[in-house]
Amino acid sequence: MTNKEFYTVKVTSEVIHLTALEEEVSPGAVKQLCEQIPALARQLNLTKVLIDTLSIKTALNTSKRYTFATVVSHHLRGLTIAIVMHPPLFEPERFGEMVANNLGLQLR
């Protein structure tokens, strides 16, 4: 499964590995991607997803962090998610992680 616009998907025996290709990704694009992952995980009998956002350089405001966290937690509930990111995306207060966890997602 590949979308040349903003991500690639690689599957190993244990993990679905998503890699962002763009420097900025819209909430709509994230939603579209997140809608596809649960079916792929069920098909492959996998529960772990690694999201590599190292290509994304644009910092997110609080509103976008909340939107991304709610979209990811709504669509990827029941899966274990790990996200790799650069400092402009990482937030010391872990707001996005807190929102996702409060909405029932296992996120680290």
C-alpha atoms as a PDB file:
ATOM      1  CA  MET A   1       0.000   0.000   0.000  1.00  0.00           C
ATOM      2  CA  THR A   2       1.571   3.290  -1.052  1.00  0.00           C
ATOM      3  CA  ASN A   3       0.327   6.846  -1.484  1.00  0.00           C
ATOM      4  CA  LYS A   4       3.018   8.834  -3.302  1.00  0.00           C
ATOM      5  CA  GLU A   5       1.546  12.044  -1.937  1.00  0.00           C
ATOM      6  CA  PHE A   6       2.576  11.873   1.702  1.00  0.00           C
ATOM      7  CA  TYR A   7       3.448   8.426   3.102  1.00  0.00           C
ATOM      8  CA  THR A   8       4.694   4.901   2.468  1.00  0.00           C
ATOM      9  CA  VAL A   9       3.700   1.730   4.265  1.00  0.00           C
ATOM     10  CA  LYS A  10       6.075  -1.144   4.957  1.00  0.00           C
ATOM     11  CA  VAL A  11       4.943  -4.270   6.792  1.00  0.00           C
ATOM     12  CA  THR A  12       7.211  -6.560   8.777  1.00  0.00           C
ATOM     13  CA  SER A  13       6.255  -9.713  10.646  1.00  0.00           C
ATOM     14  CA  GLU A  14       5.458  -7.626  13.749  1.00  0.00           C
ATOM     15  CA  VAL A  15       4.813  -3.999  12.758  1.00  0.00           C
ATOM     16  CA  ILE A  16       3.059  -1.788  10.245  1.00  0.00           C
ATOM     17  CA  HIS A  17       5.619   0.962   9.559  1.00  0.00           C
ATOM     18  CA  LEU A  18       4.244   4.234   8.157  1.00  0.00           C
ATOM     19  CA  THR A  19       6.724   6.827   6.905  1.00  0.00           C
ATOM     20  CA  ALA A  20       5.697  10.397   6.141  1.00  0.00           C
ATOM     21  CA  LEU A  21       7.296  11.774   2.974  1.00  0.00           C
ATOM     22  CA  GLU A  22       6.228  15.405   3.112  1.00  0.00           C
ATOM     23  CA  GLU A  23       7.377  18.281   5.321  1.00  0.00           C
ATOM     24  CA  GLU A  24       3.770  19.112   6.256  1.00  0.00           C
ATOM     25  CA  VAL A  25       0.710  16.841   6.383  1.00  0.00           C
ATOM     26  CA  SER A  26      -2.906  17.953   6.603  1.00  0.00           C
ATOM     27  CA  PRO A  27      -5.434  16.576   9.107  1.00  0.00           C
ATOM     28  CA  GLY A  28      -7.525  15.293   6.184  1.00  0.00           C
ATOM     29  CA  ALA A  29      -4.602  13.287   4.842  1.00  0.00           C
ATOM     30  CA  VAL A  30      -3.937  11.819   8.301  1.00  0.00           C
ATOM     31  CA  LYS A  31      -7.614  10.876   8.628  1.00  0.00           C
ATOM     32  CA  GLN A  32      -7.580   9.173   5.217  1.00  0.00           C
ATOM     33  CA  LEU A  33      -4.500   7.162   6.183  1.00  0.00           C
ATOM     34  CA  CYS A  34      -5.813   6.263   9.644  1.00  0.00           C
ATOM     35  CA  GLU A  35      -9.064   4.961   8.160  1.00  0.00           C
ATOM     36  CA  GLN A  36      -7.096   2.357   6.153  1.00  0.00           C
ATOM     37  CA  ILE A  37      -4.748   1.036   8.843  1.00  0.00           C
ATOM     38  CA  PRO A  38      -7.200  -0.975  11.025  1.00  0.00           C
ATOM     39  CA  ALA A  39      -8.308  -3.148   8.083  1.00  0.00           C
ATOM     40  CA  LEU A  40      -4.692  -3.792   7.112  1.00  0.00           C
ATOM     41  CA  ALA A  41      -3.812  -4.656  10.721  1.00  0.00           C
ATOM     42  CA  ARG A  42      -6.737  -7.102  10.962  1.00  0.00           C
ATOM     43  CA  GLN A  43      -5.865  -8.664   7.607  1.00  0.00           C
ATOM     44  CA  LEU A  44      -2.247  -9.220   8.703  1.00  0.00           C
ATOM     45  CA  ASN A  45      -3.122 -10.015  12.322  1.00  0.00           C
ATOM     46  CA  LEU A  46      -0.856  -7.219  13.616  1.00  0.00           C
ATOM     47  CA  THR A  47      -1.404  -4.896  16.577  1.00  0.00           C
ATOM     48  CA  LYS A  48       1.639  -2.588  16.407  1.00  0.00           C
ATOM     49  CA  VAL A  49       2.004   0.523  14.278  1.00  0.00           C
ATOM     50  CA  LEU A  50       5.171   2.636  13.982  1.00  0.00           C
ATOM     51  CA  ILE A  51       4.611   6.125  12.573  1.00  0.00           C
ATOM     52  CA  ASP A  52       7.811   7.805  11.346  1.00  0.00           C
ATOM     53  CA  THR A  53       7.254  11.570  11.015  1.00  0.00           C
ATOM     54  CA  LEU A  54      10.923  12.560  10.731  1.00  0.00           C
ATOM     55  CA  SER A  55      10.322  14.230   7.347  1.00  0.00           C
ATOM     56  CA  ILE A  56       7.754  16.618   8.872  1.00  0.00           C
ATOM     57  CA  LYS A  57       9.491  19.837   9.860  1.00  0.00           C
ATOM     58  CA  THR A  58       6.556  22.167  10.522  1.00  0.00           C
ATOM     59  CA  ALA A  59       5.628  22.681  14.171  1.00  0.00           C
ATOM     60  CA  LEU A  60       1.977  22.078  15.035  1.00  0.00           C
ATOM     61  CA  ASN A  61      -0.198  24.494  16.965  1.00  0.00           C
ATOM     62  CA  THR A  62      -2.401  23.236  19.813  1.00  0.00           C
ATOM     63  CA  SER A  63      -5.475  22.981  17.592  1.00  0.00           C
ATOM     64  CA  LYS A  64      -3.692  20.759  15.046  1.00  0.00           C
ATOM     65  CA  ARG A  65      -2.197  18.630  17.832  1.00  0.00           C
ATOM     66  CA  TYR A  66      -5.688  18.066  19.221  1.00  0.00           C
ATOM     67  CA  THR A  67      -7.095  17.266  15.762  1.00  0.00           C
ATOM     68  CA  PHE A  68      -4.309  14.790  14.962  1.00  0.00           C
ATOM     69  CA  ALA A  69      -4.613  13.123  18.376  1.00  0.00           C
ATOM     70  CA  THR A  70      -8.388  12.702  18.082  1.00  0.00           C
ATOM     71  CA  VAL A  71      -8.209  11.371  14.508  1.00  0.00           C
ATOM     72  CA  VAL A  72      -5.454   8.892  15.353  1.00  0.00           C
ATOM     73  CA  SER A  73      -7.114   7.735  18.581  1.00  0.00           C
ATOM     74  CA  HIS A  74     -10.536   7.337  16.940  1.00  0.00           C
ATOM     75  CA  HIS A  75      -9.308   5.237  14.017  1.00  0.00           C
ATOM     76  CA  LEU A  76      -6.387   3.349  15.577  1.00  0.00           C
ATOM     77  CA  ARG A  77      -7.984   2.357  18.879  1.00  0.00           C
ATOM     78  CA  GLY A  78      -7.037  -1.189  19.840  1.00  0.00           C
ATOM     79  CA  LEU A  79      -3.604  -0.908  18.221  1.00  0.00           C
ATOM     80  CA  THR A  80      -0.332  -0.046  19.951  1.00  0.00           C
ATOM     81  CA  ILE A  81       1.126   3.086  18.379  1.00  0.00           C
ATOM     82  CA  ALA A  82       4.679   4.482  18.486  1.00  0.00           C
ATOM     83  CA  ILE A  83       5.468   7.827  16.861  1.00  0.00           C
ATOM     84  CA  VAL A  84       8.990   9.017  15.972  1.00  0.00           C
ATOM     85  CA  MET A  85       9.336  12.786  15.508  1.00  0.00           C
ATOM     86  CA  HIS A  86      11.729  15.759  15.407  1.00  0.00           C
ATOM     87  CA  PRO A  87      11.775  18.369  18.210  1.00  0.00           C
ATOM     88  CA  PRO A  88       9.503  20.875  16.359  1.00  0.00           C
ATOM     89  CA  LEU A  89       6.724  18.277  16.512  1.00  0.00           C
ATOM     90  CA  PHE A  90       7.554  16.891  19.930  1.00  0.00           C
ATOM     91  CA  GLU A  91       6.072  18.766  22.827  1.00  0.00           C
ATOM     92  CA  PRO A  92       7.486  18.534  26.345  1.00  0.00           C
ATOM     93  CA  GLU A  93       3.980  18.833  27.832  1.00  0.00           C
ATOM     94  CA  ARG A  94       2.858  15.808  25.735  1.00  0.00           C
ATOM     95  CA  PHE A  95      -0.532  17.385  24.980  1.00  0.00           C
ATOM     96  CA  GLY A  96      -1.211  15.248  21.896  1.00  0.00           C
ATOM     97  CA  GLU A  97      -0.204  12.074  23.711  1.00  0.00           C
ATOM     98  CA  MET A  98      -2.406  12.990  26.684  1.00  0.00           C
ATOM     99  CA  VAL A  99      -5.419  13.603  24.405  1.00  0.00           C
ATOM    100  CA  ALA A 100      -4.892  10.311  22.584  1.00  0.00           C
ATOM    101  CA  ASN A 101      -4.473   8.384  25.841  1.00  0.00           C
ATOM    102  CA  ASN A 102      -7.590  10.012  27.306  1.00  0.00           C
ATOM    103  CA  LEU A 103      -9.496   8.872  24.220  1.00  0.00           C
ATOM    104  CA  GLY A 104      -8.379   5.260  24.750  1.00  0.00           C
ATOM    105  CA  LEU A 105      -5.331   4.908  22.492  1.00  0.00           C
ATOM    106  CA  GLN A 106      -2.184   3.134  23.684  1.00  0.00           C
ATOM    107  CA  LEU A 107       0.389   5.657  22.530  1.00  0.00           C
ATOM    108  CA  ARG A 108       4.075   6.144  23.367  1.00  0.00           C
END
